[in-house]
Amino acid sequence: MSSKGTPAVQLVAKAGVAHRLLTYDYDPSAEAIGLQAAEALGLDPAIVFKTLIVELDTGVLVCALIPAPARLDLKALAASASAKKAELADPAKAERSSGYVVGGISPLGQRKKLKSFIDQSATTRDEIVVNGGRRGLQIALKPADLIKLLPATLCLLAVTSDA
């Protein structure tokens, strides 16, 4: 399978972390990539974490991971990153920094290693799913393993529609 060649998959394999690769038919017209992945894979959307590249008011890029159905609390992320403001990074800037294309941006194996923040709901799950570095490829692994690999800071980042 050619997907094994992504930097994200290589990083997880080299670290000896237990994981599963999940593939699905990526729909370029889908508005919510994480939700589309969850549906196509038959997974609870709350365990599928989307990767968002965010620019702080300092000009620094950071990586935020939140459950697919949630929205990112930009104020909470800015506070966790010791910044005043944060906004989603321009897609072209996110692609240049990560080395991945939008829809295939993984928190793992990025070209430029960014400081990462994961919504603390990840720790309530036995397994979470993140992008594998290619559209239509996901990696399932234990949250503690992902936190260690990145390394990432746990914080409250997700705003759910039922909250």
N, C-alpha and C. Protein backbone atom coordinates (compact mmCIF):
# COMPACT_ATOMS: atom_id res chain seq x y z
N MET A 1 0.85 -1.18 0.00
CA MET A 1 0.00 0.00 0.00
C MET A 1 0.89 1.25 0.00
N SER A 2 0.67 2.13 -0.95
CA SER A 2 1.53 3.31 -1.09
C SER A 2 1.39 4.27 0.09
N SER A 3 0.27 4.20 0.81
CA SER A 3 0.03 5.11 1.93
C SER A 3 1.07 4.92 3.03
N LYS A 4 1.72 3.76 3.07
CA LYS A 4 2.71 3.51 4.12
C LYS A 4 3.90 4.45 3.99
N GLY A 5 4.03 5.10 2.86
CA GLY A 5 5.16 5.99 2.63
C GLY A 5 5.01 7.38 3.19
N THR A 6 3.86 7.74 3.78
CA THR A 6 3.73 9.11 4.27
C THR A 6 4.64 9.32 5.48
N PRO A 7 5.15 10.53 5.65
CA PRO A 7 5.99 10.80 6.81
C PRO A 7 5.29 10.48 8.14
N ALA A 8 3.97 10.70 8.20
CA ALA A 8 3.21 10.42 9.42
C ALA A 8 3.25 8.94 9.75
N VAL A 9 2.99 8.10 8.77
CA VAL A 9 2.97 6.65 8.98
C VAL A 9 4.38 6.15 9.31
N GLN A 10 5.36 6.70 8.63
CA GLN A 10 6.76 6.30 8.90
C GLN A 10 7.15 6.65 10.33
N LEU A 11 6.74 7.81 10.81
CA LEU A 11 7.06 8.25 12.17
C LEU A 11 6.46 7.30 13.20
N VAL A 12 5.19 6.96 13.03
CA VAL A 12 4.50 6.07 13.97
C VAL A 12 5.14 4.69 13.95
N ALA A 13 5.43 4.17 12.76
CA ALA A 13 6.03 2.85 12.64
C ALA A 13 7.43 2.81 13.25
N LYS A 14 8.23 3.84 12.96
CA LYS A 14 9.60 3.90 13.48
C LYS A 14 9.62 3.97 15.00
N ALA A 15 8.60 4.64 15.58
CA ALA A 15 8.52 4.77 17.04
C ALA A 15 8.03 3.47 17.69
N GLY A 16 7.58 2.53 16.87
CA GLY A 16 7.11 1.26 17.41
C GLY A 16 5.77 1.36 18.11
N VAL A 17 5.00 2.38 17.74
CA VAL A 17 3.70 2.62 18.37
C VAL A 17 2.63 1.74 17.71
N ALA A 18 1.83 1.07 18.55
CA ALA A 18 0.73 0.26 18.02
C ALA A 18 -0.27 1.19 17.33
N HIS A 19 -0.64 0.86 16.11
CA HIS A 19 -1.57 1.69 15.35
C HIS A 19 -2.25 0.86 14.27
N ARG A 20 -3.30 1.45 13.72
CA ARG A 20 -3.99 0.84 12.58
C ARG A 20 -4.12 1.91 11.51
N LEU A 21 -3.93 1.50 10.26
CA LEU A 21 -4.16 2.42 9.14
C LEU A 21 -5.57 2.17 8.60
N LEU A 22 -6.29 3.25 8.41
CA LEU A 22 -7.66 3.17 7.92
C LEU A 22 -7.74 3.98 6.63
N THR A 23 -8.31 3.40 5.59
CA THR A 23 -8.45 4.13 4.33
C THR A 23 -9.91 4.22 3.93
N TYR A 24 -10.23 5.28 3.23
CA TYR A 24 -11.59 5.50 2.75
C TYR A 24 -11.51 6.33 1.48
N ASP A 25 -12.61 6.40 0.76
CA ASP A 25 -12.66 7.20 -0.46
C ASP A 25 -12.91 8.65 -0.09
N TYR A 26 -11.88 9.46 -0.23
CA TYR A 26 -11.94 10.89 0.10
C TYR A 26 -12.89 11.59 -0.87
N ASP A 27 -13.77 12.43 -0.32
CA ASP A 27 -14.71 13.20 -1.14
C ASP A 27 -14.25 14.66 -1.12
N PRO A 28 -13.66 15.13 -2.25
CA PRO A 28 -13.15 16.51 -2.27
C PRO A 28 -14.25 17.56 -2.10
N SER A 29 -15.52 17.19 -2.28
CA SER A 29 -16.60 18.17 -2.13
C SER A 29 -17.13 18.22 -0.70
N ALA A 30 -16.67 17.34 0.17
CA ALA A 30 -17.14 17.32 1.56
C ALA A 30 -16.71 18.60 2.27
N GLU A 31 -17.64 19.19 2.99
CA GLU A 31 -17.32 20.43 3.72
C GLU A 31 -16.56 20.14 5.01
N ALA A 32 -16.90 19.02 5.65
CA ALA A 32 -16.28 18.66 6.91
C ALA A 32 -15.52 17.35 6.72
N ILE A 33 -14.23 17.46 6.47
CA ILE A 33 -13.40 16.30 6.14
C ILE A 33 -13.41 15.26 7.25
N GLY A 34 -13.27 15.71 8.50
CA GLY A 34 -13.26 14.77 9.62
C GLY A 34 -14.56 14.01 9.75
N LEU A 35 -15.68 14.71 9.56
CA LEU A 35 -16.99 14.05 9.64
C LEU A 35 -17.17 13.08 8.48
N GLN A 36 -16.69 13.46 7.31
CA GLN A 36 -16.78 12.58 6.15
C GLN A 36 -15.96 11.32 6.39
N ALA A 37 -14.77 11.47 6.96
CA ALA A 37 -13.91 10.32 7.26
C ALA A 37 -14.60 9.40 8.26
N ALA A 38 -15.17 9.98 9.32
CA ALA A 38 -15.85 9.18 10.34
C ALA A 38 -17.00 8.38 9.74
N GLU A 39 -17.80 9.05 8.92
CA GLU A 39 -18.93 8.38 8.29
C GLU A 39 -18.46 7.27 7.34
N ALA A 40 -17.48 7.57 6.51
CA ALA A 40 -16.99 6.58 5.54
C ALA A 40 -16.37 5.37 6.24
N LEU A 41 -15.78 5.59 7.42
CA LEU A 41 -15.12 4.51 8.15
C LEU A 41 -16.03 3.85 9.18
N GLY A 42 -17.25 4.39 9.34
CA GLY A 42 -18.19 3.84 10.32
C GLY A 42 -17.75 4.05 11.75
N LEU A 43 -17.10 5.20 12.01
CA LEU A 43 -16.57 5.51 13.35
C LEU A 43 -17.40 6.59 14.04
N ASP A 44 -17.35 6.59 15.37
CA ASP A 44 -17.94 7.66 16.15
C ASP A 44 -17.15 8.93 15.82
N PRO A 45 -17.82 9.98 15.32
CA PRO A 45 -17.09 11.20 14.94
C PRO A 45 -16.28 11.81 16.10
N ALA A 46 -16.66 11.54 17.33
CA ALA A 46 -15.97 12.10 18.48
C ALA A 46 -14.56 11.53 18.67
N ILE A 47 -14.25 10.39 18.03
CA ILE A 47 -12.89 9.85 18.15
C ILE A 47 -12.01 10.24 16.98
N VAL A 48 -12.62 10.84 15.95
CA VAL A 48 -11.86 11.31 14.79
C VAL A 48 -11.46 12.76 15.07
N PHE A 49 -10.15 12.99 15.18
CA PHE A 49 -9.66 14.33 15.51
C PHE A 49 -9.14 15.01 14.25
N LYS A 50 -9.65 16.22 14.02
CA LYS A 50 -9.17 16.97 12.85
C LYS A 50 -7.96 17.80 13.25
N THR A 51 -7.07 17.96 12.28
CA THR A 51 -5.84 18.72 12.46
C THR A 51 -6.02 20.11 11.87
N LEU A 52 -5.86 21.11 12.69
CA LEU A 52 -6.00 22.49 12.23
C LEU A 52 -4.69 23.24 12.47
N ILE A 53 -4.22 23.92 11.44
CA ILE A 53 -3.02 24.74 11.58
C ILE A 53 -3.51 26.17 11.86
N VAL A 54 -3.00 26.73 12.93
CA VAL A 54 -3.48 28.02 13.42
C VAL A 54 -2.30 28.99 13.53
N GLU A 55 -2.57 30.24 13.16
CA GLU A 55 -1.54 31.28 13.27
C GLU A 55 -1.85 32.16 14.48
N LEU A 56 -0.86 32.29 15.34
CA LEU A 56 -0.99 33.16 16.51
C LEU A 56 -0.71 34.60 16.11
N ASP A 57 -1.11 35.55 16.95
CA ASP A 57 -0.87 36.97 16.64
C ASP A 57 0.63 37.29 16.60
N THR A 58 1.45 36.38 17.08
CA THR A 58 2.90 36.55 17.04
C THR A 58 3.48 36.12 15.69
N GLY A 59 2.61 35.54 14.83
CA GLY A 59 3.05 35.06 13.53
C GLY A 59 3.48 33.60 13.56
N VAL A 60 3.51 33.01 14.75
CA VAL A 60 3.90 31.61 14.91
C VAL A 60 2.74 30.70 14.55
N LEU A 61 3.04 29.60 13.86
CA LEU A 61 2.03 28.60 13.55
C LEU A 61 2.05 27.51 14.62
N VAL A 62 0.87 27.04 14.98
CA VAL A 62 0.74 25.91 15.90
C VAL A 62 -0.28 24.93 15.32
N CYS A 63 -0.29 23.74 15.86
CA CYS A 63 -1.18 22.68 15.41
C CYS A 63 -2.19 22.39 16.51
N ALA A 64 -3.48 22.36 16.15
CA ALA A 64 -4.53 22.06 17.13
C ALA A 64 -5.32 20.85 16.66
N LEU A 65 -5.60 19.95 17.58
CA LEU A 65 -6.39 18.75 17.27
C LEU A 65 -7.64 18.73 18.12
N ILE A 66 -8.79 18.65 17.44
CA ILE A 66 -10.07 18.62 18.13
C ILE A 66 -10.97 17.57 17.48
N PRO A 67 -11.98 17.08 18.22
CA PRO A 67 -12.90 16.11 17.62
C PRO A 67 -13.58 16.69 16.39
N ALA A 68 -13.82 15.84 15.39
CA ALA A 68 -14.39 16.28 14.11
C ALA A 68 -15.67 17.09 14.23
N PRO A 69 -16.61 16.74 15.13
CA PRO A 69 -17.85 17.52 15.17
C PRO A 69 -17.72 18.88 15.85
N ALA A 70 -16.61 19.13 16.51
CA ALA A 70 -16.45 20.36 17.30
C ALA A 70 -15.88 21.51 16.49
N ARG A 71 -16.00 22.71 17.08
CA ARG A 71 -15.35 23.90 16.53
C ARG A 71 -14.19 24.23 17.46
N LEU A 72 -13.16 24.84 16.91
CA LEU A 72 -11.99 25.22 17.69
C LEU A 72 -12.26 26.53 18.43
N ASP A 73 -12.00 26.52 19.73
CA ASP A 73 -12.10 27.73 20.54
C ASP A 73 -10.77 28.47 20.39
N LEU A 74 -10.76 29.44 19.49
CA LEU A 74 -9.52 30.16 19.18
C LEU A 74 -8.98 30.94 20.38
N LYS A 75 -9.88 31.48 21.22
CA LYS A 75 -9.42 32.21 22.41
C LYS A 75 -8.73 31.27 23.38
N ALA A 76 -9.29 30.07 23.56
CA ALA A 76 -8.68 29.09 24.47
C ALA A 76 -7.33 28.64 23.94
N LEU A 77 -7.24 28.45 22.62
CA LEU A 77 -5.96 28.05 22.04
C LEU A 77 -4.93 29.16 22.22
N ALA A 78 -5.32 30.39 21.94
CA ALA A 78 -4.39 31.52 22.11
C ALA A 78 -3.88 31.58 23.55
N ALA A 79 -4.78 31.42 24.51
CA ALA A 79 -4.39 31.46 25.93
C ALA A 79 -3.42 30.31 26.25
N SER A 80 -3.71 29.12 25.74
CA SER A 80 -2.84 27.97 26.00
C SER A 80 -1.47 28.14 25.36
N ALA A 81 -1.43 28.89 24.26
CA ALA A 81 -0.17 29.11 23.53
C ALA A 81 0.52 30.41 23.94
N SER A 82 0.03 31.05 25.01
CA SER A 82 0.59 32.31 25.51
C SER A 82 0.57 33.41 24.46
N ALA A 83 -0.55 33.48 23.73
CA ALA A 83 -0.72 34.53 22.72
C ALA A 83 -2.01 35.29 23.04
N LYS A 84 -2.18 36.43 22.38
CA LYS A 84 -3.40 37.21 22.60
C LYS A 84 -4.52 36.78 21.68
N LYS A 85 -4.15 36.43 20.45
CA LYS A 85 -5.15 36.05 19.45
C LYS A 85 -4.65 34.89 18.61
N ALA A 86 -5.61 34.19 18.00
CA ALA A 86 -5.27 33.10 17.09
C ALA A 86 -6.33 33.04 16.00
N GLU A 87 -5.91 32.65 14.81
CA GLU A 87 -6.87 32.46 13.72
C GLU A 87 -6.38 31.31 12.85
N LEU A 88 -7.31 30.68 12.16
CA LEU A 88 -6.92 29.58 11.28
C LEU A 88 -5.93 30.11 10.27
N ALA A 89 -4.88 29.36 10.04
CA ALA A 89 -3.85 29.77 9.09
C ALA A 89 -4.37 29.70 7.66
N ASP A 90 -3.82 30.53 6.81
CA ASP A 90 -4.12 30.48 5.39
C ASP A 90 -3.79 29.07 4.90
N PRO A 91 -4.69 28.42 4.11
CA PRO A 91 -4.43 27.06 3.65
C PRO A 91 -3.07 26.87 2.96
N ALA A 92 -2.65 27.83 2.17
CA ALA A 92 -1.36 27.71 1.48
C ALA A 92 -0.22 27.71 2.50
N LYS A 93 -0.34 28.53 3.52
CA LYS A 93 0.69 28.59 4.57
C LYS A 93 0.72 27.28 5.36
N ALA A 94 -0.47 26.73 5.63
CA ALA A 94 -0.57 25.44 6.35
C ALA A 94 0.08 24.33 5.53
N GLU A 95 -0.14 24.34 4.22
CA GLU A 95 0.44 23.32 3.35
C GLU A 95 1.96 23.45 3.29
N ARG A 96 2.45 24.68 3.16
CA ARG A 96 3.91 24.89 3.10
C ARG A 96 4.59 24.44 4.39
N SER A 97 3.99 24.80 5.51
CA SER A 97 4.58 24.46 6.80
C SER A 97 4.55 22.96 7.07
N SER A 98 3.41 22.32 6.78
CA SER A 98 3.25 20.90 7.13
C SER A 98 3.85 19.95 6.10
N GLY A 99 3.88 20.39 4.85
CA GLY A 99 4.33 19.49 3.79
C GLY A 99 3.22 18.60 3.27
N TYR A 100 2.02 18.81 3.78
CA TYR A 100 0.84 18.04 3.37
C TYR A 100 -0.16 18.96 2.69
N VAL A 101 -1.09 18.37 1.92
CA VAL A 101 -2.14 19.16 1.29
C VAL A 101 -3.36 19.21 2.21
N VAL A 102 -4.13 20.29 2.12
CA VAL A 102 -5.35 20.42 2.90
C VAL A 102 -6.23 19.20 2.62
N GLY A 103 -6.78 18.64 3.69
CA GLY A 103 -7.55 17.41 3.57
C GLY A 103 -6.69 16.20 3.87
N GLY A 104 -5.37 16.42 3.93
CA GLY A 104 -4.44 15.35 4.22
C GLY A 104 -3.38 15.79 5.22
N ILE A 105 -3.65 16.88 5.96
CA ILE A 105 -2.66 17.38 6.92
C ILE A 105 -2.71 16.54 8.19
N SER A 106 -1.60 15.91 8.48
CA SER A 106 -1.46 15.09 9.68
C SER A 106 -0.73 15.90 10.74
N PRO A 107 -1.03 15.63 12.02
CA PRO A 107 -0.24 16.28 13.07
C PRO A 107 1.15 15.66 13.18
N LEU A 108 1.31 14.48 12.57
CA LEU A 108 2.56 13.72 12.66
C LEU A 108 3.40 13.88 11.40
N GLY A 109 4.70 13.94 11.55
CA GLY A 109 5.59 13.95 10.40
C GLY A 109 5.53 15.21 9.56
N GLN A 110 5.19 16.31 10.18
CA GLN A 110 5.12 17.57 9.44
C GLN A 110 6.52 18.04 9.06
N ARG A 111 6.61 18.75 7.94
CA ARG A 111 7.89 19.28 7.46
C ARG A 111 8.53 20.15 8.53
N LYS A 112 7.75 21.07 9.09
CA LYS A 112 8.23 21.93 10.17
C LYS A 112 7.45 21.54 11.42
N LYS A 113 8.15 21.03 12.41
CA LYS A 113 7.48 20.55 13.62
C LYS A 113 6.89 21.73 14.39
N LEU A 114 5.58 21.73 14.51
CA LEU A 114 4.88 22.82 15.20
C LEU A 114 4.53 22.40 16.62
N LYS A 115 4.43 23.38 17.50
CA LYS A 115 3.93 23.11 18.84
C LYS A 115 2.49 22.64 18.68
N SER A 116 2.14 21.56 19.37
CA SER A 116 0.82 20.97 19.19
C SER A 116 -0.02 21.03 20.46
N PHE A 117 -1.32 21.18 20.26
CA PHE A 117 -2.29 21.24 21.35
C PHE A 117 -3.43 20.29 21.00
N ILE A 118 -3.80 19.44 21.96
CA ILE A 118 -4.88 18.47 21.73
C ILE A 118 -5.99 18.72 22.74
N ASP A 119 -7.22 18.70 22.25
CA ASP A 119 -8.35 18.84 23.16
C ASP A 119 -8.31 17.70 24.17
N GLN A 120 -8.52 18.06 25.45
CA GLN A 120 -8.36 17.06 26.50
C GLN A 120 -9.37 15.93 26.45
N SER A 121 -10.41 16.05 25.62
CA SER A 121 -11.37 14.95 25.48
C SER A 121 -10.69 13.71 24.90
N ALA A 122 -9.54 13.88 24.26
CA ALA A 122 -8.81 12.75 23.69
C ALA A 122 -8.47 11.73 24.77
N THR A 123 -8.21 12.20 25.98
CA THR A 123 -7.78 11.29 27.05
C THR A 123 -8.92 10.43 27.57
N THR A 124 -10.15 10.73 27.19
CA THR A 124 -11.29 9.92 27.63
C THR A 124 -11.54 8.76 26.67
N ARG A 125 -10.74 8.66 25.63
CA ARG A 125 -10.91 7.62 24.60
C ARG A 125 -9.80 6.59 24.68
N ASP A 126 -10.14 5.34 24.34
CA ASP A 126 -9.12 4.29 24.27
C ASP A 126 -8.26 4.47 23.03
N GLU A 127 -8.88 5.01 21.98
CA GLU A 127 -8.21 5.17 20.70
C GLU A 127 -8.78 6.41 20.03
N ILE A 128 -7.91 7.15 19.35
CA ILE A 128 -8.38 8.26 18.53
C ILE A 128 -7.81 8.07 17.12
N VAL A 129 -8.41 8.79 16.20
CA VAL A 129 -8.03 8.67 14.79
C VAL A 129 -7.62 10.05 14.29
N VAL A 130 -6.44 10.12 13.65
CA VAL A 130 -5.95 11.37 13.08
C VAL A 130 -5.56 11.14 11.62
N ASN A 131 -5.43 12.22 10.90
CA ASN A 131 -5.06 12.11 9.49
C ASN A 131 -3.69 11.47 9.35
N GLY A 132 -3.56 10.63 8.34
CA GLY A 132 -2.32 9.90 8.11
C GLY A 132 -1.37 10.56 7.13
N GLY A 133 -1.69 11.79 6.70
CA GLY A 133 -0.78 12.51 5.80
C GLY A 133 -1.14 12.39 4.33
N ARG A 134 -2.33 11.86 4.07
CA ARG A 134 -2.81 11.77 2.69
C ARG A 134 -4.33 11.77 2.74
N ARG A 135 -4.96 12.40 1.78
CA ARG A 135 -6.42 12.39 1.72
C ARG A 135 -6.90 10.94 1.63
N GLY A 136 -7.82 10.57 2.52
CA GLY A 136 -8.36 9.22 2.52
C GLY A 136 -7.58 8.25 3.39
N LEU A 137 -6.60 8.74 4.15
CA LEU A 137 -5.82 7.88 5.04
C LEU A 137 -5.87 8.41 6.46
N GLN A 138 -6.22 7.53 7.40
CA GLN A 138 -6.28 7.90 8.82
C GLN A 138 -5.44 6.91 9.61
N ILE A 139 -4.93 7.37 10.76
CA ILE A 139 -4.16 6.52 11.66
C ILE A 139 -4.91 6.46 12.99
N ALA A 140 -5.21 5.23 13.45
CA ALA A 140 -5.84 5.02 14.75
C ALA A 140 -4.75 4.63 15.74
N LEU A 141 -4.70 5.33 16.89
CA LEU A 141 -3.70 5.04 17.91
C LEU A 141 -4.18 5.50 19.26
N LYS A 142 -3.48 5.10 20.31
CA LYS A 142 -3.83 5.51 21.67
C LYS A 142 -3.51 7.00 21.83
N PRO A 143 -4.39 7.75 22.51
CA PRO A 143 -4.12 9.18 22.73
C PRO A 143 -2.78 9.43 23.41
N ALA A 144 -2.42 8.61 24.40
CA ALA A 144 -1.15 8.82 25.11
C ALA A 144 0.04 8.69 24.16
N ASP A 145 -0.07 7.78 23.19
CA ASP A 145 1.01 7.61 22.22
C ASP A 145 1.13 8.84 21.31
N LEU A 146 -0.01 9.38 20.88
CA LEU A 146 0.00 10.58 20.03
C LEU A 146 0.60 11.76 20.80
N ILE A 147 0.18 11.92 22.04
CA ILE A 147 0.68 13.03 22.87
C ILE A 147 2.19 12.95 23.02
N LYS A 148 2.70 11.75 23.22
CA LYS A 148 4.15 11.53 23.37
C LYS A 148 4.89 11.78 22.06
N LEU A 149 4.33 11.31 20.95
CA LEU A 149 4.99 11.45 19.65
C LEU A 149 5.11 12.91 19.21
N LEU A 150 4.12 13.72 19.53
CA LEU A 150 4.11 15.08 18.97
C LEU A 150 5.21 15.99 19.55
N PRO A 151 5.54 16.17 20.74
CA PRO A 151 4.72 16.07 21.94
C PRO A 151 3.67 17.18 21.95
N ALA A 152 2.57 16.94 22.69
CA ALA A 152 1.46 17.89 22.66
C ALA A 152 1.04 18.30 24.06
N THR A 153 0.42 19.46 24.13
CA THR A 153 -0.15 19.98 25.37
C THR A 153 -1.65 19.69 25.35
N LEU A 154 -2.17 19.15 26.44
CA LEU A 154 -3.60 18.91 26.57
C LEU A 154 -4.26 20.16 27.11
N CYS A 155 -5.38 20.56 26.53
CA CYS A 155 -6.13 21.70 27.02
C CYS A 155 -7.56 21.65 26.48
N LEU A 156 -8.41 22.50 27.01
CA LEU A 156 -9.78 22.59 26.51
C LEU A 156 -9.77 23.44 25.24
N LEU A 157 -10.07 22.83 24.10
CA LEU A 157 -10.04 23.54 22.83
C LEU A 157 -11.33 23.46 22.04
N ALA A 158 -12.13 22.43 22.34
CA ALA A 158 -13.29 22.15 21.51
C ALA A 158 -14.56 22.82 22.03
N VAL A 159 -15.31 23.36 21.10
CA VAL A 159 -16.63 23.90 21.40
C VAL A 159 -17.59 23.00 20.63
N THR A 160 -18.44 22.28 21.38
CA THR A 160 -19.37 21.38 20.70
C THR A 160 -20.71 22.08 20.53
N SER A 161 -21.44 21.66 19.51
CA SER A 161 -22.72 22.30 19.21
C SER A 161 -23.75 22.02 20.28
N ASP A 162 -23.56 20.93 21.06
CA ASP A 162 -24.53 20.63 22.13
C ASP A 162 -24.13 21.23 23.48
N ALA A 163 -23.05 22.01 23.47
CA ALA A 163 -22.58 22.60 24.75
C ALA A 163 -23.26 23.91 25.02
